[in-house]
Amino acid sequence: MPLSVIGAGLGRTGTASIKLALEQLGLGPCYHMTEVLRQPEHIDHWLAATAGRPDWDTIFHGYTACVDYPACTYWRELAAWSPDARIVLSVRPPESWFESVNLTIMSPRIRSMVAGTPFEAMNRAAIWDTIDGSLDDRTAMVRHFERHVAAVRRDAPADRLLEFDVREGWEPLCSFLDVPVPGTPFPRVNRREEFAGMLAAMQAEHEAGADPATGGSLGDAADHLYKG
């Protein structure tokens, strides 16, 4: 089934909060990288997509929205597959984005822990290799972020696109999606300190000799994060 909302913003632009917001608005379930962590069989589906053999029906079965990596890499393909979907480009200051990813999802520590695993192969093909330069090079990463944002602004149909900073809260998102504004605060999750819990779970799996991307404790940490 085609998607109704496609998140075109890169990871660490408030995507976890947007996932919860969309689900609270009745526009979920929403696919996020944590779905890959909970369902490691999806790694093979994404590897097929990176090789030019996407099966969007299988990947997004049961989901009505997506945000975050790896889906945001394929926002154009997903927009074509779901021609009626709204596109949400989540943004933040590029320098702070680099600082965030360099301490969390693309940190040297994370890359070391997943080295040699299928999860690394998926990240490399769907995310890391799309970046022209080292993941630790601030200039290259900021340039990558700015180019991605510029490409979405240029190529997404204007009547389907919202550029959104989660600090703006409910109003612009709800107006764009034509839904009422909830009476509850906009979700705020997956800050750096919260990510540290997931990182600790990955470290425990790594030290135990398991694949940290598919270990049970990481799935538990992800569940805790998105429930709380």
N, C-alpha and C. Protein backbone atom coordinates (compact mmCIF):
# COMPACT_ATOMS: atom_id res chain seq x y z
N MET A 1 0.85 -1.20 0.00
CA MET A 1 0.00 0.00 0.00
C MET A 1 0.88 1.24 0.00
N PRO A 2 0.62 2.21 -0.86
CA PRO A 2 1.43 3.43 -0.89
C PRO A 2 1.39 4.18 0.44
N LEU A 3 2.41 5.00 0.65
CA LEU A 3 2.52 5.78 1.87
C LEU A 3 1.71 7.07 1.75
N SER A 4 1.32 7.62 2.90
CA SER A 4 0.63 8.90 2.90
C SER A 4 1.55 10.05 3.28
N VAL A 5 2.64 9.75 4.00
CA VAL A 5 3.62 10.77 4.38
C VAL A 5 5.01 10.18 4.19
N ILE A 6 5.88 10.95 3.54
CA ILE A 6 7.26 10.53 3.30
C ILE A 6 8.18 11.56 3.94
N GLY A 7 9.01 11.11 4.86
CA GLY A 7 10.00 11.99 5.47
C GLY A 7 11.25 12.04 4.62
N ALA A 8 11.57 13.21 4.07
CA ALA A 8 12.75 13.36 3.22
C ALA A 8 13.94 13.89 3.99
N GLY A 9 13.76 14.25 5.26
CA GLY A 9 14.86 14.78 6.05
C GLY A 9 15.81 13.70 6.50
N LEU A 10 17.09 14.05 6.59
CA LEU A 10 18.10 13.10 7.03
C LEU A 10 17.91 12.75 8.50
N GLY A 11 18.49 11.62 8.91
CA GLY A 11 18.45 11.23 10.32
C GLY A 11 19.06 12.29 11.20
N ARG A 12 18.60 12.36 12.44
CA ARG A 12 19.02 13.35 13.43
C ARG A 12 18.53 14.75 13.09
N THR A 13 17.36 14.82 12.45
CA THR A 13 16.69 16.11 12.25
C THR A 13 15.33 16.08 12.94
N GLY A 14 15.25 15.37 14.05
CA GLY A 14 13.98 15.25 14.76
C GLY A 14 13.09 14.16 14.23
N THR A 15 13.66 13.20 13.49
CA THR A 15 12.84 12.18 12.85
C THR A 15 12.12 11.28 13.84
N ALA A 16 12.76 11.00 14.97
CA ALA A 16 12.08 10.16 15.97
C ALA A 16 10.86 10.86 16.54
N SER A 17 10.99 12.16 16.78
CA SER A 17 9.85 12.93 17.27
C SER A 17 8.75 13.00 16.22
N ILE A 18 9.14 13.17 14.95
CA ILE A 18 8.14 13.23 13.89
C ILE A 18 7.43 11.89 13.75
N LYS A 19 8.16 10.80 13.89
CA LYS A 19 7.53 9.46 13.86
C LYS A 19 6.40 9.39 14.90
N LEU A 20 6.70 9.77 16.12
CA LEU A 20 5.68 9.71 17.17
C LEU A 20 4.55 10.70 16.89
N ALA A 21 4.89 11.88 16.37
CA ALA A 21 3.87 12.87 16.06
C ALA A 21 2.90 12.35 15.00
N LEU A 22 3.43 11.76 13.93
CA LEU A 22 2.56 11.23 12.88
C LEU A 22 1.66 10.12 13.42
N GLU A 23 2.21 9.28 14.26
CA GLU A 23 1.41 8.20 14.82
C GLU A 23 0.34 8.75 15.76
N GLN A 24 0.68 9.80 16.50
CA GLN A 24 -0.32 10.41 17.37
C GLN A 24 -1.43 11.06 16.55
N LEU A 25 -1.10 11.53 15.37
CA LEU A 25 -2.09 12.16 14.49
C LEU A 25 -2.91 11.13 13.71
N GLY A 26 -2.63 9.86 13.92
CA GLY A 26 -3.37 8.81 13.22
C GLY A 26 -2.84 8.53 11.83
N LEU A 27 -1.60 8.94 11.56
CA LEU A 27 -1.01 8.76 10.24
C LEU A 27 0.09 7.71 10.26
N GLY A 28 0.06 6.84 11.21
CA GLY A 28 1.03 5.75 11.30
C GLY A 28 0.32 4.43 11.08
N PRO A 29 1.08 3.32 11.31
CA PRO A 29 2.45 3.26 11.81
C PRO A 29 3.45 3.91 10.85
N CYS A 30 4.52 4.45 11.46
CA CYS A 30 5.54 5.17 10.71
C CYS A 30 6.85 4.40 10.77
N TYR A 31 7.43 4.17 9.60
CA TYR A 31 8.69 3.43 9.48
C TYR A 31 9.86 4.35 9.78
N HIS A 32 10.82 3.82 10.56
CA HIS A 32 12.00 4.56 11.01
C HIS A 32 13.12 3.54 11.11
N MET A 33 14.36 3.96 11.18
CA MET A 33 15.48 3.01 11.28
C MET A 33 15.28 2.02 12.41
N THR A 34 14.59 2.42 13.46
CA THR A 34 14.37 1.48 14.57
C THR A 34 13.54 0.27 14.13
N GLU A 35 12.76 0.41 13.07
CA GLU A 35 12.02 -0.75 12.57
C GLU A 35 12.98 -1.80 12.01
N VAL A 36 14.10 -1.34 11.43
CA VAL A 36 15.11 -2.28 10.94
C VAL A 36 15.76 -3.00 12.12
N LEU A 37 16.00 -2.26 13.20
CA LEU A 37 16.61 -2.87 14.38
C LEU A 37 15.69 -3.91 15.02
N ARG A 38 14.40 -3.65 14.98
CA ARG A 38 13.45 -4.61 15.54
C ARG A 38 13.20 -5.79 14.61
N GLN A 39 13.38 -5.58 13.31
CA GLN A 39 13.10 -6.61 12.30
C GLN A 39 14.32 -6.77 11.40
N PRO A 40 15.36 -7.46 11.87
CA PRO A 40 16.61 -7.51 11.11
C PRO A 40 16.48 -8.13 9.74
N GLU A 41 15.39 -8.86 9.48
CA GLU A 41 15.20 -9.38 8.12
C GLU A 41 15.03 -8.25 7.11
N HIS A 42 14.70 -7.06 7.59
CA HIS A 42 14.56 -5.92 6.69
C HIS A 42 15.90 -5.47 6.12
N ILE A 43 17.00 -5.85 6.77
CA ILE A 43 18.31 -5.49 6.23
C ILE A 43 18.46 -6.02 4.81
N ASP A 44 18.07 -7.27 4.60
CA ASP A 44 18.17 -7.85 3.25
C ASP A 44 17.28 -7.11 2.26
N HIS A 45 16.10 -6.69 2.70
CA HIS A 45 15.21 -5.94 1.81
C HIS A 45 15.87 -4.63 1.38
N TRP A 46 16.53 -3.96 2.32
CA TRP A 46 17.17 -2.69 2.00
C TRP A 46 18.42 -2.90 1.15
N LEU A 47 19.15 -3.99 1.39
CA LEU A 47 20.30 -4.28 0.54
C LEU A 47 19.84 -4.51 -0.91
N ALA A 48 18.71 -5.16 -1.07
CA ALA A 48 18.16 -5.34 -2.42
C ALA A 48 17.80 -3.99 -3.03
N ALA A 49 17.24 -3.11 -2.23
CA ALA A 49 16.88 -1.78 -2.73
C ALA A 49 18.13 -1.01 -3.16
N THR A 50 19.20 -1.12 -2.37
CA THR A 50 20.43 -0.40 -2.74
C THR A 50 21.04 -0.97 -4.02
N ALA A 51 20.72 -2.22 -4.33
CA ALA A 51 21.23 -2.85 -5.55
C ALA A 51 20.29 -2.63 -6.74
N GLY A 52 19.28 -1.80 -6.55
CA GLY A 52 18.37 -1.49 -7.64
C GLY A 52 17.19 -2.42 -7.76
N ARG A 53 16.92 -3.22 -6.71
CA ARG A 53 15.80 -4.15 -6.74
C ARG A 53 14.86 -3.89 -5.55
N PRO A 54 14.31 -2.68 -5.45
CA PRO A 54 13.47 -2.38 -4.30
C PRO A 54 12.13 -3.11 -4.35
N ASP A 55 11.68 -3.54 -3.20
CA ASP A 55 10.34 -4.10 -3.06
C ASP A 55 9.64 -3.28 -1.99
N TRP A 56 9.16 -2.12 -2.39
CA TRP A 56 8.57 -1.20 -1.42
C TRP A 56 7.35 -1.81 -0.75
N ASP A 57 6.59 -2.62 -1.47
CA ASP A 57 5.40 -3.23 -0.87
C ASP A 57 5.78 -4.10 0.33
N THR A 58 6.89 -4.82 0.21
CA THR A 58 7.33 -5.68 1.32
C THR A 58 7.91 -4.86 2.45
N ILE A 59 8.78 -3.91 2.13
CA ILE A 59 9.41 -3.12 3.18
C ILE A 59 8.38 -2.36 4.00
N PHE A 60 7.42 -1.75 3.32
CA PHE A 60 6.47 -0.88 4.02
C PHE A 60 5.12 -1.53 4.27
N HIS A 61 5.08 -2.86 4.20
CA HIS A 61 3.83 -3.55 4.51
C HIS A 61 3.40 -3.23 5.95
N GLY A 62 2.20 -2.72 6.10
CA GLY A 62 1.69 -2.37 7.42
C GLY A 62 2.02 -0.96 7.87
N TYR A 63 2.76 -0.21 7.07
CA TYR A 63 3.13 1.16 7.42
C TYR A 63 2.45 2.14 6.47
N THR A 64 2.15 3.33 6.98
CA THR A 64 1.53 4.35 6.15
C THR A 64 2.38 5.62 6.05
N ALA A 65 3.52 5.64 6.73
CA ALA A 65 4.41 6.79 6.68
C ALA A 65 5.84 6.30 6.91
N CYS A 66 6.80 7.14 6.56
CA CYS A 66 8.20 6.80 6.83
C CYS A 66 8.98 8.07 7.11
N VAL A 67 9.99 7.94 7.93
CA VAL A 67 10.94 9.02 8.21
C VAL A 67 12.30 8.38 8.45
N ASP A 68 13.35 9.21 8.47
CA ASP A 68 14.68 8.76 8.88
C ASP A 68 15.34 7.90 7.82
N TYR A 69 16.59 7.52 8.12
CA TYR A 69 17.30 6.54 7.31
C TYR A 69 16.67 5.17 7.49
N PRO A 70 16.82 4.27 6.51
CA PRO A 70 17.36 4.49 5.18
C PRO A 70 16.35 5.05 4.18
N ALA A 71 15.08 5.19 4.60
CA ALA A 71 14.03 5.58 3.65
C ALA A 71 14.30 6.95 3.04
N CYS A 72 14.85 7.89 3.84
CA CYS A 72 15.01 9.26 3.32
C CYS A 72 15.98 9.32 2.15
N THR A 73 16.89 8.36 2.04
CA THR A 73 17.79 8.31 0.89
C THR A 73 17.01 8.11 -0.40
N TYR A 74 15.86 7.44 -0.29
CA TYR A 74 15.07 7.07 -1.46
C TYR A 74 13.77 7.86 -1.55
N TRP A 75 13.78 9.09 -1.06
CA TRP A 75 12.55 9.85 -1.02
C TRP A 75 11.97 10.07 -2.42
N ARG A 76 12.83 10.25 -3.44
CA ARG A 76 12.32 10.45 -4.79
C ARG A 76 11.57 9.21 -5.28
N GLU A 77 12.20 8.05 -5.10
CA GLU A 77 11.58 6.80 -5.53
C GLU A 77 10.28 6.56 -4.77
N LEU A 78 10.28 6.86 -3.49
CA LEU A 78 9.07 6.65 -2.69
C LEU A 78 7.98 7.65 -3.07
N ALA A 79 8.36 8.86 -3.42
CA ALA A 79 7.37 9.85 -3.86
C ALA A 79 6.73 9.43 -5.17
N ALA A 80 7.51 8.78 -6.04
CA ALA A 80 6.95 8.27 -7.29
C ALA A 80 6.05 7.07 -7.03
N TRP A 81 6.45 6.23 -6.09
CA TRP A 81 5.66 5.04 -5.74
C TRP A 81 4.36 5.43 -5.03
N SER A 82 4.41 6.52 -4.29
CA SER A 82 3.24 7.01 -3.55
C SER A 82 2.92 8.42 -4.03
N PRO A 83 2.31 8.56 -5.20
CA PRO A 83 2.17 9.88 -5.83
C PRO A 83 1.26 10.85 -5.09
N ASP A 84 0.48 10.36 -4.14
CA ASP A 84 -0.38 11.25 -3.37
C ASP A 84 0.20 11.59 -2.00
N ALA A 85 1.36 11.06 -1.69
CA ALA A 85 1.94 11.27 -0.36
C ALA A 85 2.43 12.70 -0.19
N ARG A 86 2.29 13.22 1.03
CA ARG A 86 2.90 14.48 1.39
C ARG A 86 4.36 14.22 1.75
N ILE A 87 5.22 15.18 1.49
CA ILE A 87 6.65 15.05 1.74
C ILE A 87 7.06 16.05 2.81
N VAL A 88 7.66 15.56 3.88
CA VAL A 88 8.09 16.42 4.99
C VAL A 88 9.62 16.43 5.02
N LEU A 89 10.20 17.58 4.77
CA LEU A 89 11.64 17.76 4.82
C LEU A 89 12.00 18.34 6.18
N SER A 90 12.44 17.50 7.09
CA SER A 90 12.85 17.98 8.41
C SER A 90 14.26 18.54 8.33
N VAL A 91 14.47 19.67 8.98
CA VAL A 91 15.73 20.39 8.88
C VAL A 91 16.19 20.83 10.27
N ARG A 92 17.48 21.18 10.33
CA ARG A 92 18.09 21.79 11.50
C ARG A 92 19.35 22.50 11.02
N PRO A 93 19.99 23.33 11.82
CA PRO A 93 21.24 23.96 11.37
C PRO A 93 22.28 22.91 10.97
N PRO A 94 22.89 23.04 9.81
CA PRO A 94 23.80 22.00 9.33
C PRO A 94 24.95 21.68 10.26
N GLU A 95 25.53 22.68 10.90
CA GLU A 95 26.65 22.42 11.80
C GLU A 95 26.22 21.58 12.99
N SER A 96 25.05 21.87 13.54
CA SER A 96 24.59 21.09 14.68
C SER A 96 24.20 19.68 14.26
N TRP A 97 23.74 19.54 12.99
CA TRP A 97 23.46 18.19 12.47
C TRP A 97 24.73 17.36 12.45
N PHE A 98 25.82 17.92 11.94
CA PHE A 98 27.08 17.19 11.91
C PHE A 98 27.51 16.78 13.32
N GLU A 99 27.44 17.71 14.26
CA GLU A 99 27.85 17.40 15.62
C GLU A 99 27.02 16.27 16.20
N SER A 100 25.73 16.25 15.87
CA SER A 100 24.84 15.22 16.38
C SER A 100 25.16 13.85 15.79
N VAL A 101 25.24 13.76 14.45
CA VAL A 101 25.50 12.45 13.84
C VAL A 101 26.88 11.93 14.20
N ASN A 102 27.84 12.85 14.37
CA ASN A 102 29.20 12.44 14.69
C ASN A 102 29.33 11.88 16.10
N LEU A 103 28.36 12.21 16.94
CA LEU A 103 28.36 11.68 18.31
C LEU A 103 27.39 10.52 18.48
N THR A 104 26.57 10.25 17.46
CA THR A 104 25.53 9.23 17.62
C THR A 104 25.56 8.23 16.47
N ILE A 105 24.69 8.38 15.50
CA ILE A 105 24.44 7.31 14.52
C ILE A 105 25.59 7.07 13.55
N MET A 106 26.48 8.04 13.35
CA MET A 106 27.62 7.83 12.46
C MET A 106 28.94 8.00 13.20
N SER A 107 28.92 7.86 14.49
CA SER A 107 30.13 8.05 15.27
C SER A 107 31.13 6.93 14.99
N PRO A 108 32.43 7.21 15.18
CA PRO A 108 33.42 6.14 15.02
C PRO A 108 33.11 4.93 15.89
N ARG A 109 32.56 5.14 17.06
CA ARG A 109 32.24 4.03 17.95
C ARG A 109 31.16 3.13 17.36
N ILE A 110 30.11 3.73 16.84
CA ILE A 110 29.05 2.94 16.19
C ILE A 110 29.60 2.19 15.00
N ARG A 111 30.37 2.87 14.16
CA ARG A 111 30.90 2.22 12.97
C ARG A 111 31.80 1.06 13.31
N SER A 112 32.56 1.19 14.38
CA SER A 112 33.42 0.10 14.82
C SER A 112 32.61 -1.10 15.30
N MET A 113 31.52 -0.83 16.02
CA MET A 113 30.73 -1.92 16.58
C MET A 113 29.99 -2.72 15.52
N VAL A 114 29.59 -2.08 14.43
CA VAL A 114 28.82 -2.80 13.40
C VAL A 114 29.70 -3.29 12.25
N ALA A 115 31.02 -3.05 12.34
CA ALA A 115 31.93 -3.42 11.25
C ALA A 115 31.81 -4.90 10.92
N GLY A 116 31.69 -5.20 9.64
CA GLY A 116 31.64 -6.58 9.18
C GLY A 116 30.29 -7.24 9.26
N THR A 117 29.27 -6.52 9.68
CA THR A 117 27.93 -7.08 9.82
C THR A 117 27.05 -6.69 8.64
N PRO A 118 25.94 -7.41 8.42
CA PRO A 118 25.00 -6.98 7.38
C PRO A 118 24.47 -5.57 7.62
N PHE A 119 24.34 -5.19 8.89
CA PHE A 119 23.85 -3.84 9.21
C PHE A 119 24.84 -2.79 8.70
N GLU A 120 26.14 -3.07 8.82
CA GLU A 120 27.13 -2.15 8.26
C GLU A 120 26.97 -2.07 6.75
N ALA A 121 26.80 -3.22 6.10
CA ALA A 121 26.66 -3.22 4.64
C ALA A 121 25.47 -2.39 4.20
N MET A 122 24.36 -2.50 4.93
CA MET A 122 23.18 -1.71 4.59
C MET A 122 23.45 -0.22 4.79
N ASN A 123 24.05 0.14 5.92
CA ASN A 123 24.35 1.54 6.18
C ASN A 123 25.31 2.11 5.15
N ARG A 124 26.31 1.32 4.80
CA ARG A 124 27.30 1.79 3.83
C ARG A 124 26.64 2.06 2.47
N ALA A 125 25.83 1.10 2.02
CA ALA A 125 25.23 1.23 0.69
C ALA A 125 24.13 2.29 0.64
N ALA A 126 23.32 2.36 1.70
CA ALA A 126 22.15 3.25 1.67
C ALA A 126 22.45 4.65 2.20
N ILE A 127 23.53 4.79 2.98
CA ILE A 127 23.75 6.07 3.65
C ILE A 127 25.18 6.56 3.46
N TRP A 128 26.14 5.84 4.01
CA TRP A 128 27.51 6.36 4.09
C TRP A 128 28.11 6.63 2.72
N ASP A 129 27.88 5.73 1.76
CA ASP A 129 28.49 5.90 0.44
C ASP A 129 27.83 7.00 -0.38
N THR A 130 26.72 7.54 0.11
CA THR A 130 26.08 8.67 -0.59
C THR A 130 26.76 9.99 -0.23
N ILE A 131 27.68 9.95 0.72
CA ILE A 131 28.36 11.14 1.21
C ILE A 131 29.71 11.27 0.52
N ASP A 132 29.96 12.41 -0.08
CA ASP A 132 31.20 12.66 -0.80
C ASP A 132 32.25 13.16 0.18
N GLY A 133 32.94 12.21 0.82
CA GLY A 133 33.96 12.56 1.80
C GLY A 133 33.84 11.71 3.04
N SER A 134 34.73 11.94 3.97
CA SER A 134 34.77 11.18 5.22
C SER A 134 33.61 11.55 6.12
N LEU A 135 33.09 10.55 6.82
CA LEU A 135 32.02 10.82 7.79
C LEU A 135 32.51 11.68 8.94
N ASP A 136 33.81 11.77 9.13
CA ASP A 136 34.38 12.57 10.22
C ASP A 136 34.81 13.95 9.77
N ASP A 137 34.61 14.25 8.48
CA ASP A 137 35.02 15.54 7.92
C ASP A 137 33.84 16.51 8.02
N ARG A 138 33.97 17.48 8.91
CA ARG A 138 32.89 18.43 9.14
C ARG A 138 32.47 19.13 7.85
N THR A 139 33.45 19.58 7.07
CA THR A 139 33.14 20.33 5.85
C THR A 139 32.37 19.46 4.87
N ALA A 140 32.82 18.22 4.69
CA ALA A 140 32.15 17.32 3.74
C ALA A 140 30.74 16.99 4.20
N MET A 141 30.58 16.77 5.50
CA MET A 141 29.27 16.40 6.02
C MET A 141 28.28 17.56 5.95
N VAL A 142 28.73 18.75 6.29
CA VAL A 142 27.86 19.92 6.19
C VAL A 142 27.47 20.14 4.74
N ARG A 143 28.42 19.98 3.82
CA ARG A 143 28.11 20.12 2.39
C ARG A 143 27.07 19.09 1.96
N HIS A 144 27.23 17.85 2.43
CA HIS A 144 26.26 16.80 2.10
C HIS A 144 24.88 17.17 2.59
N PHE A 145 24.78 17.64 3.81
CA PHE A 145 23.48 18.03 4.38
C PHE A 145 22.85 19.13 3.54
N GLU A 146 23.63 20.15 3.25
CA GLU A 146 23.09 21.30 2.50
C GLU A 146 22.67 20.90 1.09
N ARG A 147 23.43 20.02 0.45
CA ARG A 147 23.05 19.55 -0.89
C ARG A 147 21.77 18.74 -0.85
N HIS A 148 21.62 17.92 0.18
CA HIS A 148 20.40 17.12 0.28
C HIS A 148 19.18 18.02 0.43
N VAL A 149 19.27 18.98 1.33
CA VAL A 149 18.15 19.90 1.55
C VAL A 149 17.84 20.66 0.27
N ALA A 150 18.88 21.15 -0.41
CA ALA A 150 18.67 21.90 -1.65
C ALA A 150 18.01 21.04 -2.72
N ALA A 151 18.39 19.76 -2.79
CA ALA A 151 17.82 18.87 -3.80
C ALA A 151 16.34 18.61 -3.54
N VAL A 152 15.98 18.43 -2.28
CA VAL A 152 14.57 18.21 -1.97
C VAL A 152 13.76 19.47 -2.28
N ARG A 153 14.29 20.61 -1.89
CA ARG A 153 13.59 21.86 -2.19
C ARG A 153 13.39 22.04 -3.69
N ARG A 154 14.40 21.64 -4.46
CA ARG A 154 14.35 21.82 -5.91
C ARG A 154 13.44 20.81 -6.60
N ASP A 155 13.50 19.55 -6.17
CA ASP A 155 12.89 18.47 -6.94
C ASP A 155 11.52 18.02 -6.44
N ALA A 156 11.22 18.24 -5.18
CA ALA A 156 9.91 17.81 -4.67
C ALA A 156 8.83 18.77 -5.17
N PRO A 157 7.68 18.26 -5.58
CA PRO A 157 6.59 19.16 -5.99
C PRO A 157 6.22 20.12 -4.86
N ALA A 158 6.16 21.39 -5.16
CA ALA A 158 5.94 22.39 -4.12
C ALA A 158 4.65 22.18 -3.36
N ASP A 159 3.61 21.68 -4.05
CA ASP A 159 2.33 21.51 -3.38
C ASP A 159 2.28 20.26 -2.51
N ARG A 160 3.34 19.47 -2.53
CA ARG A 160 3.41 18.27 -1.70
C ARG A 160 4.43 18.40 -0.59
N LEU A 161 5.15 19.53 -0.51
CA LEU A 161 6.33 19.64 0.35
C LEU A 161 6.12 20.59 1.52
N LEU A 162 6.55 20.13 2.70
CA LEU A 162 6.66 20.99 3.88
C LEU A 162 8.09 20.92 4.39
N GLU A 163 8.74 22.07 4.52
CA GLU A 163 10.03 22.14 5.20
C GLU A 163 9.75 22.43 6.67
N PHE A 164 10.25 21.58 7.55
CA PHE A 164 9.76 21.59 8.93
C PHE A 164 10.91 21.43 9.91
N ASP A 165 10.92 22.30 10.91
CA ASP A 165 11.83 22.20 12.05
C ASP A 165 10.99 21.80 13.24
N VAL A 166 11.36 20.72 13.92
CA VAL A 166 10.52 20.23 15.02
C VAL A 166 10.33 21.27 16.11
N ARG A 167 11.21 22.26 16.19
CA ARG A 167 11.04 23.32 17.18
C ARG A 167 9.80 24.16 16.92
N GLU A 168 9.23 24.05 15.70
CA GLU A 168 8.01 24.78 15.36
C GLU A 168 6.77 24.16 15.98
N GLY A 169 6.86 22.89 16.41
CA GLY A 169 5.73 22.26 17.06
C GLY A 169 4.64 21.79 16.10
N TRP A 170 3.45 21.61 16.65
CA TRP A 170 2.35 20.99 15.92
C TRP A 170 1.81 21.80 14.74
N GLU A 171 1.71 23.13 14.88
CA GLU A 171 0.88 23.92 13.97
C GLU A 171 1.24 23.77 12.50
N PRO A 172 2.49 23.97 12.09
CA PRO A 172 2.76 23.85 10.65
C PRO A 172 2.57 22.44 10.12
N LEU A 173 2.90 21.44 10.92
CA LEU A 173 2.74 20.06 10.49
C LEU A 173 1.26 19.71 10.33
N CYS A 174 0.46 20.08 11.29
CA CYS A 174 -0.97 19.76 11.24
C CYS A 174 -1.66 20.53 10.12
N SER A 175 -1.27 21.78 9.93
CA SER A 175 -1.85 22.56 8.84
C SER A 175 -1.54 21.92 7.49
N PHE A 176 -0.31 21.48 7.31
CA PHE A 176 0.11 20.86 6.06
C PHE A 176 -0.62 19.55 5.81
N LEU A 177 -0.86 18.79 6.88
CA LEU A 177 -1.49 17.47 6.75
C LEU A 177 -3.01 17.53 6.88
N ASP A 178 -3.55 18.70 7.10
CA ASP A 178 -5.00 18.90 7.22
C ASP A 178 -5.60 18.07 8.33
N VAL A 179 -4.97 18.14 9.51
CA VAL A 179 -5.48 17.43 10.68
C VAL A 179 -5.53 18.40 11.86
N PRO A 180 -6.39 18.14 12.84
CA PRO A 180 -6.48 19.03 14.00
C PRO A 180 -5.20 19.01 14.84
N VAL A 181 -4.92 20.13 15.49
CA VAL A 181 -3.78 20.22 16.38
C VAL A 181 -4.13 19.55 17.71
N PRO A 182 -3.34 18.58 18.15
CA PRO A 182 -3.63 17.91 19.43
C PRO A 182 -3.49 18.87 20.61
N GLY A 183 -4.10 18.48 21.69
CA GLY A 183 -3.99 19.28 22.91
C GLY A 183 -2.84 18.87 23.78
N THR A 184 -1.98 18.01 23.28
CA THR A 184 -0.81 17.54 24.03
C THR A 184 0.46 18.12 23.44
N PRO A 185 1.55 18.16 24.22
CA PRO A 185 2.80 18.71 23.68
C PRO A 185 3.34 17.89 22.52
N PHE A 186 4.06 18.56 21.64
CA PHE A 186 4.71 17.87 20.52
C PHE A 186 5.76 16.92 21.10
N PRO A 187 5.85 15.69 20.57
CA PRO A 187 6.82 14.72 21.12
C PRO A 187 8.25 15.22 21.01
N ARG A 188 9.05 14.94 22.03
CA ARG A 188 10.47 15.28 22.02
C ARG A 188 11.25 14.07 22.52
N VAL A 189 11.78 13.28 21.60
CA VAL A 189 12.50 12.06 21.98
C VAL A 189 13.79 11.95 21.18
N ASN A 190 14.62 10.99 21.61
CA ASN A 190 15.87 10.64 20.92
C ASN A 190 16.88 11.77 20.92
N ARG A 191 16.88 12.56 22.02
CA ARG A 191 17.96 13.51 22.20
C ARG A 191 19.26 12.74 22.45
N ARG A 192 20.37 13.43 22.41
CA ARG A 192 21.66 12.74 22.51
C ARG A 192 21.77 11.90 23.78
N GLU A 193 21.28 12.47 24.89
CA GLU A 193 21.40 11.73 26.14
C GLU A 193 20.53 10.47 26.13
N GLU A 194 19.39 10.51 25.42
CA GLU A 194 18.55 9.32 25.31
C GLU A 194 19.20 8.29 24.39
N PHE A 195 19.85 8.79 23.33
CA PHE A 195 20.54 7.88 22.41
C PHE A 195 21.63 7.11 23.14
N ALA A 196 22.20 7.70 24.19
CA ALA A 196 23.26 7.04 24.93
C ALA A 196 22.81 5.69 25.47
N GLY A 197 21.52 5.56 25.82
CA GLY A 197 21.01 4.27 26.30
C GLY A 197 21.06 3.22 25.21
N MET A 198 20.68 3.60 23.99
CA MET A 198 20.76 2.66 22.88
C MET A 198 22.21 2.32 22.56
N LEU A 199 23.09 3.29 22.67
CA LEU A 199 24.50 3.05 22.41
C LEU A 199 25.07 2.07 23.43
N ALA A 200 24.68 2.20 24.68
CA ALA A 200 25.13 1.27 25.71
C ALA A 200 24.65 -0.15 25.42
N ALA A 201 23.41 -0.27 24.91
CA ALA A 201 22.89 -1.59 24.56
C ALA A 201 23.69 -2.21 23.42
N MET A 202 24.03 -1.39 22.42
CA MET A 202 24.84 -1.88 21.32
C MET A 202 26.22 -2.32 21.81
N GLN A 203 26.81 -1.55 22.73
CA GLN A 203 28.11 -1.89 23.27
C GLN A 203 28.06 -3.23 24.00
N ALA A 204 26.99 -3.45 24.74
CA ALA A 204 26.85 -4.71 25.48
C ALA A 204 26.77 -5.89 24.51
N GLU A 205 26.01 -5.75 23.44
CA GLU A 205 25.93 -6.81 22.44
C GLU A 205 27.29 -7.03 21.78
N HIS A 206 27.97 -5.95 21.48
CA HIS A 206 29.28 -6.05 20.83
C HIS A 206 30.27 -6.80 21.72
N GLU A 207 30.30 -6.45 23.00
CA GLU A 207 31.24 -7.08 23.92
C GLU A 207 30.88 -8.54 24.17
N ALA A 208 29.60 -8.87 23.99
CA ALA A 208 29.17 -10.26 24.17
C ALA A 208 29.40 -11.10 22.92
N GLY A 209 29.89 -10.46 21.86
CA GLY A 209 30.18 -11.19 20.63
C GLY A 209 29.00 -11.31 19.69
N ALA A 210 27.91 -10.63 19.98
CA ALA A 210 26.73 -10.68 19.12
C ALA A 210 26.75 -9.51 18.15
N ASP A 211 25.92 -9.63 17.11
CA ASP A 211 25.75 -8.52 16.17
C ASP A 211 24.97 -7.43 16.89
N PRO A 212 25.59 -6.28 17.16
CA PRO A 212 24.90 -5.24 17.94
C PRO A 212 23.68 -4.67 17.26
N ALA A 213 23.58 -4.85 15.95
CA ALA A 213 22.43 -4.30 15.23
C ALA A 213 21.19 -5.17 15.36
N THR A 214 21.37 -6.41 15.76
CA THR A 214 20.23 -7.32 15.83
C THR A 214 20.08 -7.93 17.22
N GLY A 215 20.81 -7.42 18.18
CA GLY A 215 20.73 -7.97 19.53
C GLY A 215 19.43 -7.61 20.22
N GLY A 216 18.99 -8.49 21.11
CA GLY A 216 17.73 -8.27 21.80
C GLY A 216 17.72 -7.03 22.66
N SER A 217 18.85 -6.73 23.29
CA SER A 217 18.87 -5.58 24.19
C SER A 217 18.70 -4.27 23.42
N LEU A 218 19.18 -4.22 22.20
CA LEU A 218 18.99 -3.00 21.41
C LEU A 218 17.53 -2.82 21.04
N GLY A 219 16.87 -3.91 20.67
CA GLY A 219 15.44 -3.81 20.40
C GLY A 219 14.68 -3.36 21.62
N ASP A 220 15.07 -3.86 22.79
CA ASP A 220 14.42 -3.43 24.03
C ASP A 220 14.67 -1.94 24.28
N ALA A 221 15.91 -1.50 24.01
CA ALA A 221 16.21 -0.08 24.21
C ALA A 221 15.40 0.79 23.26
N ALA A 222 15.27 0.37 22.03
CA ALA A 222 14.47 1.13 21.06
C ALA A 222 13.02 1.18 21.49
N ASP A 223 12.48 0.05 21.95
CA ASP A 223 11.10 0.04 22.42
C ASP A 223 10.91 1.00 23.58
N HIS A 224 11.87 0.99 24.51
CA HIS A 224 11.78 1.89 25.68
C HIS A 224 11.81 3.34 25.23
N LEU A 225 12.72 3.65 24.30
CA LEU A 225 12.85 5.02 23.84
C LEU A 225 11.56 5.53 23.23
N TYR A 226 10.91 4.71 22.40
CA TYR A 226 9.73 5.19 21.67
C TYR A 226 8.45 5.06 22.47
N LYS A 227 8.52 4.39 23.62
CA LYS A 227 7.37 4.40 24.51
C LYS A 227 7.48 5.55 25.52
N GLY A 228 8.70 5.97 25.77
CA GLY A 228 8.89 7.00 26.77
C GLY A 228 9.44 8.26 26.21
